[in-house]
Amino acid sequence: MKKILLFVFCLAISSIIIGSKCNTYDEQSTEVSSSAAAAQGNQVTAGGVTMRWSVVGSDLSVTLSAVTSGWVAVGFKPTVGMQNANFIIGYVSGGTAVIEDNFGTSPSEHVADTIQNVTNKSGSEAGGITEISFQIPLNSGDAQDQPLAVGESCNIILAHGPADNFTSEHTSVGSVTIVIR
């Protein structure tokens, strides 16, 4: 009987937690454990965007790709919707990657960060797929960036949009939990 009550209690708590995480976008919460991430080569897909990542020294190296001729983005550690997330958003125009560091100012808005911490920017667009690559510091010291730590579970938002700009609304968005490694 105790096992049944424990199961019902855990089920109820799970429902409350999952229900409280819902935002105004299509959320795809998928926990990726260290072993699963290693088996996938630190790769996840949510919201139609695939992200590959690795830690390189004191930086996080990231590649984002999606079926779009517009922008792709990742937001690290949002609190509610897009609020407080450290967003890296980019597109490819004329063969050149245009990548910007943003931060979430509300559940549905983001603006350019006053300190741009993105390095090693590159990108390509071919066959209807946009891909950008970049590095960000794990801990930039910038108050508008969310510090990251090796071994930490981190909620992220992945999204893509239809145009080569930083202002058009997303076509698709999802969220996932990764392990920084």
N, C-alpha and C. Protein backbone atom coordinates (compact mmCIF):
# COMPACT_ATOMS: atom_id res chain seq x y z
N MET A 1 0.82 -1.19 0.00
CA MET A 1 0.00 0.00 0.00
C MET A 1 0.87 1.26 0.00
N LYS A 2 1.98 1.23 0.77
CA LYS A 2 2.87 2.38 0.82
C LYS A 2 3.47 2.66 -0.55
N LYS A 3 3.79 1.59 -1.30
CA LYS A 3 4.35 1.77 -2.64
C LYS A 3 3.34 2.42 -3.56
N ILE A 4 2.08 2.04 -3.46
CA ILE A 4 1.05 2.63 -4.31
C ILE A 4 0.87 4.10 -3.97
N LEU A 5 0.82 4.43 -2.67
CA LEU A 5 0.69 5.83 -2.27
C LEU A 5 1.89 6.65 -2.72
N LEU A 6 3.09 6.09 -2.60
CA LEU A 6 4.28 6.77 -3.06
C LEU A 6 4.21 7.01 -4.56
N PHE A 7 3.77 6.03 -5.33
CA PHE A 7 3.63 6.17 -6.77
C PHE A 7 2.63 7.27 -7.11
N VAL A 8 1.48 7.28 -6.47
CA VAL A 8 0.45 8.30 -6.72
C VAL A 8 0.99 9.68 -6.35
N PHE A 9 1.68 9.78 -5.22
CA PHE A 9 2.27 11.05 -4.81
C PHE A 9 3.27 11.55 -5.85
N CYS A 10 4.17 10.68 -6.30
CA CYS A 10 5.17 11.05 -7.31
C CYS A 10 4.50 11.47 -8.62
N LEU A 11 3.46 10.77 -9.01
CA LEU A 11 2.72 11.11 -10.22
C LEU A 11 2.08 12.48 -10.08
N ALA A 12 1.50 12.77 -8.94
CA ALA A 12 0.87 14.08 -8.70
C ALA A 12 1.91 15.19 -8.74
N ILE A 13 3.05 14.98 -8.09
CA ILE A 13 4.11 15.99 -8.08
C ILE A 13 4.63 16.21 -9.50
N SER A 14 4.82 15.14 -10.27
CA SER A 14 5.28 15.26 -11.65
C SER A 14 4.32 16.10 -12.46
N SER A 15 3.03 15.87 -12.28
CA SER A 15 2.02 16.65 -13.01
C SER A 15 2.10 18.12 -12.65
N ILE A 16 2.31 18.42 -11.38
CA ILE A 16 2.42 19.81 -10.95
C ILE A 16 3.66 20.45 -11.55
N ILE A 17 4.79 19.76 -11.49
CA ILE A 17 6.03 20.30 -12.03
C ILE A 17 5.92 20.50 -13.53
N ILE A 18 5.45 19.52 -14.25
CA ILE A 18 5.33 19.64 -15.70
C ILE A 18 4.35 20.74 -16.05
N GLY A 19 3.23 20.80 -15.36
CA GLY A 19 2.25 21.84 -15.63
C GLY A 19 2.79 23.23 -15.37
N SER A 20 3.65 23.39 -14.37
CA SER A 20 4.17 24.72 -14.05
C SER A 20 5.23 25.17 -15.03
N LYS A 21 5.77 24.26 -15.83
CA LYS A 21 6.80 24.63 -16.77
C LYS A 21 6.24 25.07 -18.11
N CYS A 22 4.95 24.96 -18.32
CA CYS A 22 4.37 25.31 -19.61
C CYS A 22 4.48 26.80 -19.87
N ASN A 23 4.86 27.15 -21.06
CA ASN A 23 4.96 28.53 -21.49
C ASN A 23 4.09 28.71 -22.72
N THR A 24 4.23 29.84 -23.37
CA THR A 24 3.38 30.13 -24.52
C THR A 24 3.95 29.56 -25.82
N TYR A 25 4.94 28.75 -25.73
CA TYR A 25 5.51 28.14 -26.92
C TYR A 25 5.44 26.62 -26.79
N ASP A 26 5.72 25.95 -27.89
CA ASP A 26 5.68 24.50 -27.92
C ASP A 26 6.90 23.96 -27.20
N GLU A 27 6.71 23.54 -25.96
CA GLU A 27 7.83 23.08 -25.14
C GLU A 27 8.02 21.59 -25.31
N GLN A 28 9.25 21.19 -25.57
CA GLN A 28 9.59 19.79 -25.72
C GLN A 28 10.66 19.48 -24.68
N SER A 29 10.29 19.29 -23.44
CA SER A 29 11.27 19.01 -22.40
C SER A 29 11.77 17.59 -22.51
N THR A 30 13.05 17.49 -22.76
CA THR A 30 13.67 16.19 -22.88
C THR A 30 14.97 16.22 -22.09
N GLU A 31 15.03 15.49 -21.00
CA GLU A 31 16.26 15.42 -20.21
C GLU A 31 17.27 14.57 -20.96
N VAL A 32 18.45 15.11 -21.16
CA VAL A 32 19.51 14.36 -21.82
C VAL A 32 20.60 14.13 -20.78
N SER A 33 20.74 12.90 -20.34
CA SER A 33 21.74 12.59 -19.32
C SER A 33 23.13 12.62 -19.91
N SER A 34 24.12 12.64 -19.04
CA SER A 34 25.51 12.66 -19.51
C SER A 34 25.81 11.50 -20.43
N SER A 35 25.35 10.31 -20.07
CA SER A 35 25.66 9.14 -20.89
C SER A 35 24.91 9.21 -22.23
N ALA A 36 23.67 9.69 -22.22
CA ALA A 36 22.93 9.81 -23.48
C ALA A 36 23.57 10.89 -24.35
N ALA A 37 23.98 12.01 -23.73
CA ALA A 37 24.62 13.07 -24.50
C ALA A 37 25.92 12.58 -25.11
N ALA A 38 26.68 11.80 -24.36
CA ALA A 38 27.94 11.27 -24.88
C ALA A 38 27.68 10.34 -26.05
N ALA A 39 26.65 9.52 -25.92
CA ALA A 39 26.33 8.58 -27.00
C ALA A 39 25.87 9.33 -28.24
N GLN A 40 25.24 10.50 -28.05
CA GLN A 40 24.78 11.30 -29.18
C GLN A 40 25.83 12.31 -29.60
N GLY A 41 26.98 12.32 -28.97
CA GLY A 41 27.99 13.30 -29.29
C GLY A 41 27.55 14.69 -28.87
N ASN A 42 26.91 14.80 -27.70
CA ASN A 42 26.39 16.07 -27.21
C ASN A 42 25.54 16.75 -28.27
N GLN A 43 24.46 16.11 -28.62
CA GLN A 43 23.56 16.63 -29.65
C GLN A 43 22.11 16.45 -29.21
N VAL A 44 21.30 17.49 -29.39
CA VAL A 44 19.87 17.43 -29.13
C VAL A 44 19.14 18.16 -30.25
N THR A 45 17.85 17.83 -30.39
CA THR A 45 16.99 18.54 -31.34
C THR A 45 15.70 18.90 -30.63
N ALA A 46 15.29 20.15 -30.75
CA ALA A 46 14.01 20.63 -30.21
C ALA A 46 13.59 21.81 -31.07
N GLY A 47 12.30 21.93 -31.28
CA GLY A 47 11.79 23.06 -32.06
C GLY A 47 12.33 23.10 -33.48
N GLY A 48 12.72 21.94 -34.00
CA GLY A 48 13.26 21.89 -35.36
C GLY A 48 14.70 22.33 -35.49
N VAL A 49 15.36 22.59 -34.36
CA VAL A 49 16.77 23.01 -34.36
C VAL A 49 17.61 21.92 -33.72
N THR A 50 18.71 21.58 -34.37
CA THR A 50 19.66 20.63 -33.80
C THR A 50 20.83 21.43 -33.24
N MET A 51 21.21 21.10 -32.00
CA MET A 51 22.36 21.75 -31.37
C MET A 51 23.39 20.69 -31.01
N ARG A 52 24.64 20.96 -31.39
CA ARG A 52 25.78 20.15 -30.97
C ARG A 52 26.67 21.06 -30.14
N TRP A 53 27.26 20.52 -29.08
CA TRP A 53 28.07 21.35 -28.20
C TRP A 53 29.20 20.55 -27.58
N SER A 54 30.21 21.29 -27.15
CA SER A 54 31.31 20.71 -26.39
C SER A 54 31.99 21.83 -25.61
N VAL A 55 32.64 21.44 -24.53
CA VAL A 55 33.40 22.40 -23.74
C VAL A 55 34.83 22.40 -24.28
N VAL A 56 35.33 23.61 -24.55
CA VAL A 56 36.68 23.80 -25.05
C VAL A 56 37.36 24.80 -24.12
N GLY A 57 38.17 24.27 -23.21
CA GLY A 57 38.80 25.15 -22.21
C GLY A 57 37.74 25.78 -21.33
N SER A 58 37.69 27.11 -21.33
CA SER A 58 36.70 27.84 -20.52
C SER A 58 35.52 28.33 -21.38
N ASP A 59 35.40 27.76 -22.58
CA ASP A 59 34.32 28.16 -23.49
C ASP A 59 33.39 26.99 -23.82
N LEU A 60 32.19 27.34 -24.26
CA LEU A 60 31.25 26.37 -24.80
C LEU A 60 31.21 26.58 -26.30
N SER A 61 31.54 25.54 -27.05
CA SER A 61 31.51 25.59 -28.51
C SER A 61 30.18 25.00 -28.97
N VAL A 62 29.45 25.72 -29.82
CA VAL A 62 28.09 25.35 -30.20
C VAL A 62 27.92 25.43 -31.70
N THR A 63 27.18 24.46 -32.26
CA THR A 63 26.72 24.51 -33.65
C THR A 63 25.22 24.31 -33.64
N LEU A 64 24.50 25.21 -34.31
CA LEU A 64 23.05 25.13 -34.46
C LEU A 64 22.71 24.96 -35.92
N SER A 65 21.73 24.10 -36.23
CA SER A 65 21.29 23.96 -37.61
C SER A 65 19.79 23.69 -37.65
N ALA A 66 19.15 24.19 -38.72
CA ALA A 66 17.72 24.00 -38.89
C ALA A 66 17.36 24.15 -40.36
N VAL A 67 16.26 23.56 -40.73
CA VAL A 67 15.74 23.72 -42.09
C VAL A 67 15.06 25.09 -42.12
N THR A 68 15.82 26.09 -42.54
CA THR A 68 15.34 27.46 -42.66
C THR A 68 16.33 28.24 -43.50
N SER A 69 15.86 29.29 -44.13
CA SER A 69 16.77 30.22 -44.80
C SER A 69 16.88 31.49 -43.95
N GLY A 70 16.37 31.43 -42.71
CA GLY A 70 16.41 32.56 -41.79
C GLY A 70 17.35 32.29 -40.63
N TRP A 71 16.95 32.75 -39.46
CA TRP A 71 17.81 32.68 -38.29
C TRP A 71 17.60 31.40 -37.48
N VAL A 72 18.62 31.07 -36.67
CA VAL A 72 18.55 29.99 -35.68
C VAL A 72 19.06 30.56 -34.36
N ALA A 73 18.57 30.01 -33.23
CA ALA A 73 18.97 30.58 -31.94
C ALA A 73 18.92 29.54 -30.83
N VAL A 74 19.70 29.83 -29.80
CA VAL A 74 19.65 29.08 -28.55
C VAL A 74 19.59 30.08 -27.41
N GLY A 75 18.75 29.78 -26.41
CA GLY A 75 18.67 30.59 -25.19
C GLY A 75 19.02 29.71 -24.01
N PHE A 76 20.04 30.10 -23.26
CA PHE A 76 20.49 29.33 -22.11
C PHE A 76 19.84 29.83 -20.83
N LYS A 77 19.29 28.91 -20.03
CA LYS A 77 18.75 29.14 -18.70
C LYS A 77 17.62 30.17 -18.63
N PRO A 78 16.58 30.02 -19.44
CA PRO A 78 15.43 30.93 -19.29
C PRO A 78 14.73 30.65 -17.96
N THR A 79 14.08 31.67 -17.40
CA THR A 79 13.32 31.45 -16.17
C THR A 79 11.84 31.25 -16.47
N VAL A 80 11.23 32.16 -17.22
CA VAL A 80 9.83 32.05 -17.64
C VAL A 80 9.80 32.46 -19.11
N GLY A 81 9.39 31.54 -19.99
CA GLY A 81 9.43 31.86 -21.42
C GLY A 81 10.88 32.16 -21.82
N MET A 82 11.11 33.37 -22.35
CA MET A 82 12.45 33.77 -22.76
C MET A 82 13.17 34.61 -21.71
N GLN A 83 12.48 34.97 -20.63
CA GLN A 83 13.04 35.88 -19.64
C GLN A 83 14.33 35.35 -19.03
N ASN A 84 15.31 36.23 -18.95
CA ASN A 84 16.62 36.00 -18.33
C ASN A 84 17.52 35.05 -19.10
N ALA A 85 17.09 34.57 -20.24
CA ALA A 85 17.94 33.65 -21.03
C ALA A 85 19.06 34.43 -21.71
N ASN A 86 20.20 33.78 -21.82
CA ASN A 86 21.30 34.29 -22.63
C ASN A 86 21.09 33.71 -24.03
N PHE A 87 20.68 34.55 -24.98
CA PHE A 87 20.38 34.10 -26.34
C PHE A 87 21.55 34.37 -27.27
N ILE A 88 21.83 33.38 -28.09
CA ILE A 88 22.74 33.58 -29.21
C ILE A 88 21.90 33.30 -30.44
N ILE A 89 21.79 34.29 -31.31
CA ILE A 89 20.94 34.20 -32.49
C ILE A 89 21.76 34.59 -33.71
N GLY A 90 21.57 33.85 -34.80
CA GLY A 90 22.35 34.16 -35.98
C GLY A 90 21.72 33.66 -37.27
N TYR A 91 22.22 34.21 -38.36
CA TYR A 91 21.78 33.82 -39.70
C TYR A 91 22.97 33.97 -40.64
N VAL A 92 22.79 33.53 -41.86
CA VAL A 92 23.84 33.63 -42.86
C VAL A 92 23.31 34.47 -44.01
N SER A 93 24.05 35.53 -44.35
CA SER A 93 23.65 36.42 -45.43
C SER A 93 24.84 36.66 -46.35
N GLY A 94 24.67 36.37 -47.64
CA GLY A 94 25.77 36.55 -48.58
C GLY A 94 26.99 35.72 -48.23
N GLY A 95 26.77 34.55 -47.63
CA GLY A 95 27.86 33.66 -47.26
C GLY A 95 28.56 34.04 -45.96
N THR A 96 28.09 35.08 -45.28
CA THR A 96 28.70 35.53 -44.03
C THR A 96 27.76 35.28 -42.86
N ALA A 97 28.30 34.72 -41.79
CA ALA A 97 27.52 34.49 -40.57
C ALA A 97 27.38 35.79 -39.80
N VAL A 98 26.15 36.12 -39.46
CA VAL A 98 25.85 37.29 -38.64
C VAL A 98 25.26 36.75 -37.33
N ILE A 99 26.02 36.86 -36.24
CA ILE A 99 25.64 36.24 -34.96
C ILE A 99 25.70 37.29 -33.87
N GLU A 100 24.66 37.31 -33.02
CA GLU A 100 24.55 38.33 -31.99
C GLU A 100 24.22 37.71 -30.63
N ASP A 101 24.74 38.32 -29.59
CA ASP A 101 24.48 37.95 -28.20
C ASP A 101 23.30 38.79 -27.72
N ASN A 102 22.21 38.15 -27.28
CA ASN A 102 21.00 38.82 -26.78
C ASN A 102 20.68 38.30 -25.38
N PHE A 103 19.74 38.96 -24.71
CA PHE A 103 19.24 38.44 -23.45
C PHE A 103 17.74 38.67 -23.37
N GLY A 104 17.06 37.75 -22.67
CA GLY A 104 15.61 37.81 -22.54
C GLY A 104 15.18 38.83 -21.51
N THR A 105 14.39 39.83 -21.96
CA THR A 105 13.95 40.89 -21.06
C THR A 105 12.57 40.63 -20.48
N SER A 106 11.84 39.69 -21.05
CA SER A 106 10.50 39.33 -20.58
C SER A 106 10.20 37.92 -21.08
N PRO A 107 9.05 37.36 -20.73
CA PRO A 107 8.74 36.01 -21.23
C PRO A 107 8.66 35.92 -22.75
N SER A 108 8.49 37.06 -23.44
CA SER A 108 8.32 36.99 -24.89
C SER A 108 9.21 37.94 -25.68
N GLU A 109 10.22 38.54 -25.04
CA GLU A 109 11.09 39.49 -25.76
C GLU A 109 12.56 39.30 -25.39
N HIS A 110 13.41 39.68 -26.34
CA HIS A 110 14.85 39.71 -26.10
C HIS A 110 15.43 40.91 -26.81
N VAL A 111 16.58 41.38 -26.34
CA VAL A 111 17.27 42.51 -26.95
C VAL A 111 18.76 42.20 -27.00
N ALA A 112 19.48 42.99 -27.80
CA ALA A 112 20.93 42.80 -27.91
C ALA A 112 21.60 43.11 -26.58
N ASP A 113 22.54 42.26 -26.21
CA ASP A 113 23.36 42.44 -25.02
C ASP A 113 24.33 43.58 -25.30
N THR A 114 24.60 44.42 -24.30
CA THR A 114 25.54 45.52 -24.49
C THR A 114 26.97 45.01 -24.61
N ILE A 115 27.25 43.84 -24.06
CA ILE A 115 28.58 43.22 -24.20
C ILE A 115 28.42 41.97 -25.05
N GLN A 116 29.03 41.97 -26.20
CA GLN A 116 28.94 40.82 -27.12
C GLN A 116 30.06 39.84 -26.80
N ASN A 117 29.70 38.65 -26.29
CA ASN A 117 30.69 37.65 -25.84
C ASN A 117 30.83 36.47 -26.80
N VAL A 118 30.42 36.62 -28.03
CA VAL A 118 30.45 35.51 -28.99
C VAL A 118 31.73 35.59 -29.81
N THR A 119 32.46 34.47 -29.90
CA THR A 119 33.69 34.41 -30.69
C THR A 119 33.63 33.23 -31.66
N ASN A 120 34.63 33.14 -32.51
CA ASN A 120 34.77 32.05 -33.49
C ASN A 120 33.47 31.83 -34.27
N LYS A 121 32.91 32.91 -34.78
CA LYS A 121 31.64 32.86 -35.51
C LYS A 121 31.86 32.33 -36.92
N SER A 122 30.98 31.43 -37.33
CA SER A 122 31.00 30.95 -38.71
C SER A 122 29.61 30.43 -39.05
N GLY A 123 29.37 30.21 -40.32
CA GLY A 123 28.07 29.68 -40.71
C GLY A 123 28.00 29.38 -42.19
N SER A 124 26.94 28.65 -42.55
CA SER A 124 26.71 28.31 -43.95
C SER A 124 25.22 28.13 -44.16
N GLU A 125 24.83 28.27 -45.41
CA GLU A 125 23.45 28.04 -45.79
C GLU A 125 23.45 27.30 -47.12
N ALA A 126 22.93 26.08 -47.10
CA ALA A 126 22.91 25.26 -48.31
C ALA A 126 21.77 24.27 -48.22
N GLY A 127 21.12 24.03 -49.33
CA GLY A 127 20.06 23.03 -49.38
C GLY A 127 18.91 23.32 -48.43
N GLY A 128 18.66 24.60 -48.17
CA GLY A 128 17.57 24.98 -47.28
C GLY A 128 17.89 24.84 -45.81
N ILE A 129 19.15 24.58 -45.47
CA ILE A 129 19.56 24.42 -44.08
C ILE A 129 20.53 25.54 -43.70
N THR A 130 20.22 26.22 -42.61
CA THR A 130 21.12 27.24 -42.06
C THR A 130 21.85 26.61 -40.89
N GLU A 131 23.17 26.82 -40.86
CA GLU A 131 24.00 26.32 -39.76
C GLU A 131 24.92 27.43 -39.32
N ILE A 132 24.96 27.66 -38.00
CA ILE A 132 25.92 28.62 -37.44
C ILE A 132 26.72 27.93 -36.35
N SER A 133 27.96 28.39 -36.17
CA SER A 133 28.83 27.86 -35.12
C SER A 133 29.46 29.05 -34.41
N PHE A 134 29.72 28.88 -33.11
CA PHE A 134 30.28 29.97 -32.31
C PHE A 134 30.78 29.41 -30.99
N GLN A 135 31.48 30.27 -30.25
CA GLN A 135 31.88 29.94 -28.89
C GLN A 135 31.46 31.07 -27.97
N ILE A 136 31.08 30.69 -26.73
CA ILE A 136 30.78 31.67 -25.69
C ILE A 136 31.51 31.23 -24.42
N PRO A 137 31.88 32.19 -23.58
CA PRO A 137 32.52 31.81 -22.31
C PRO A 137 31.53 31.06 -21.42
N LEU A 138 32.00 30.06 -20.69
CA LEU A 138 31.14 29.39 -19.72
C LEU A 138 30.67 30.40 -18.66
N ASN A 139 31.55 31.29 -18.28
CA ASN A 139 31.18 32.34 -17.33
C ASN A 139 31.86 33.63 -17.78
N SER A 140 31.10 34.48 -18.47
CA SER A 140 31.65 35.71 -19.03
C SER A 140 31.82 36.82 -17.99
N GLY A 141 31.12 36.70 -16.86
CA GLY A 141 31.13 37.77 -15.88
C GLY A 141 30.14 38.88 -16.22
N ASP A 142 29.51 38.79 -17.38
CA ASP A 142 28.50 39.76 -17.83
C ASP A 142 27.19 39.47 -17.09
N ALA A 143 26.61 40.47 -16.45
CA ALA A 143 25.37 40.29 -15.68
C ALA A 143 24.20 39.85 -16.56
N GLN A 144 24.28 40.08 -17.87
CA GLN A 144 23.20 39.71 -18.77
C GLN A 144 23.39 38.31 -19.36
N ASP A 145 24.47 37.64 -19.00
CA ASP A 145 24.71 36.27 -19.44
C ASP A 145 24.48 35.33 -18.26
N GLN A 146 24.02 34.15 -18.55
CA GLN A 146 23.83 33.14 -17.52
C GLN A 146 25.11 32.31 -17.42
N PRO A 147 25.74 32.24 -16.24
CA PRO A 147 26.95 31.41 -16.12
C PRO A 147 26.60 29.93 -16.29
N LEU A 148 27.50 29.21 -16.94
CA LEU A 148 27.35 27.78 -17.17
C LEU A 148 28.51 27.07 -16.48
N ALA A 149 28.30 25.81 -16.10
CA ALA A 149 29.35 25.05 -15.42
C ALA A 149 29.38 23.63 -15.98
N VAL A 150 30.58 23.09 -16.14
CA VAL A 150 30.74 21.72 -16.61
C VAL A 150 30.02 20.78 -15.65
N GLY A 151 29.23 19.86 -16.20
CA GLY A 151 28.49 18.89 -15.41
C GLY A 151 27.11 19.35 -15.01
N GLU A 152 26.80 20.61 -15.25
CA GLU A 152 25.52 21.19 -14.86
C GLU A 152 24.42 20.83 -15.86
N SER A 153 23.22 20.54 -15.35
CA SER A 153 22.03 20.42 -16.19
C SER A 153 21.55 21.83 -16.49
N CYS A 154 21.22 22.06 -17.73
CA CYS A 154 20.89 23.42 -18.16
C CYS A 154 19.68 23.38 -19.09
N ASN A 155 18.65 24.15 -18.76
CA ASN A 155 17.50 24.29 -19.65
C ASN A 155 17.86 25.25 -20.76
N ILE A 156 17.49 24.89 -21.98
CA ILE A 156 17.74 25.76 -23.13
C ILE A 156 16.48 25.86 -23.98
N ILE A 157 16.40 26.92 -24.75
CA ILE A 157 15.37 27.11 -25.76
C ILE A 157 16.07 27.05 -27.11
N LEU A 158 15.51 26.31 -28.05
CA LEU A 158 16.01 26.28 -29.42
C LEU A 158 14.89 26.77 -30.32
N ALA A 159 15.23 27.64 -31.28
CA ALA A 159 14.21 28.20 -32.16
C ALA A 159 14.81 28.55 -33.50
N HIS A 160 13.94 28.70 -34.50
CA HIS A 160 14.37 29.23 -35.79
C HIS A 160 13.28 30.09 -36.37
N GLY A 161 13.70 31.01 -37.24
CA GLY A 161 12.78 31.95 -37.85
C GLY A 161 12.96 32.04 -39.34
N PRO A 162 12.05 32.74 -40.02
CA PRO A 162 12.00 32.72 -41.48
C PRO A 162 12.88 33.72 -42.21
N ALA A 163 13.48 34.69 -41.50
CA ALA A 163 14.16 35.78 -42.19
C ALA A 163 15.57 36.00 -41.65
N ASP A 164 16.37 36.69 -42.45
CA ASP A 164 17.73 37.04 -42.05
C ASP A 164 17.70 38.35 -41.26
N ASN A 165 17.24 38.27 -40.03
CA ASN A 165 17.23 39.42 -39.12
C ASN A 165 17.11 38.89 -37.69
N PHE A 166 17.13 39.79 -36.74
CA PHE A 166 17.02 39.38 -35.33
C PHE A 166 15.65 39.71 -34.74
N THR A 167 14.72 40.13 -35.59
CA THR A 167 13.44 40.62 -35.08
C THR A 167 12.22 39.82 -35.52
N SER A 168 12.33 39.01 -36.56
CA SER A 168 11.14 38.26 -37.01
C SER A 168 10.79 37.18 -35.99
N GLU A 169 9.49 36.94 -35.85
CA GLU A 169 9.02 35.94 -34.89
C GLU A 169 9.45 34.54 -35.32
N HIS A 170 9.62 33.68 -34.34
CA HIS A 170 10.06 32.31 -34.63
C HIS A 170 9.02 31.54 -35.43
N THR A 171 9.49 30.63 -36.25
CA THR A 171 8.64 29.68 -36.96
C THR A 171 8.37 28.48 -36.08
N SER A 172 9.39 28.10 -35.32
CA SER A 172 9.30 26.93 -34.44
C SER A 172 10.20 27.16 -33.24
N VAL A 173 9.77 26.64 -32.08
CA VAL A 173 10.56 26.77 -30.86
C VAL A 173 10.27 25.58 -29.95
N GLY A 174 11.27 25.18 -29.22
CA GLY A 174 11.12 24.09 -28.26
C GLY A 174 12.15 24.25 -27.16
N SER A 175 12.00 23.49 -26.10
CA SER A 175 12.98 23.55 -25.03
C SER A 175 13.44 22.15 -24.68
N VAL A 176 14.61 22.08 -24.10
CA VAL A 176 15.21 20.81 -23.75
C VAL A 176 16.21 21.06 -22.61
N THR A 177 16.52 20.04 -21.85
CA THR A 177 17.53 20.13 -20.82
C THR A 177 18.76 19.36 -21.29
N ILE A 178 19.91 20.01 -21.22
CA ILE A 178 21.17 19.38 -21.61
C ILE A 178 22.10 19.34 -20.40
N VAL A 179 23.19 18.61 -20.53
CA VAL A 179 24.26 18.61 -19.55
C VAL A 179 25.46 19.26 -20.22
N ILE A 180 26.01 20.26 -19.56
CA ILE A 180 27.18 20.96 -20.09
C ILE A 180 28.40 20.04 -19.92
N ARG A 181 28.96 19.59 -21.05
CA ARG A 181 30.12 18.70 -21.04
C ARG A 181 30.81 18.76 -22.37
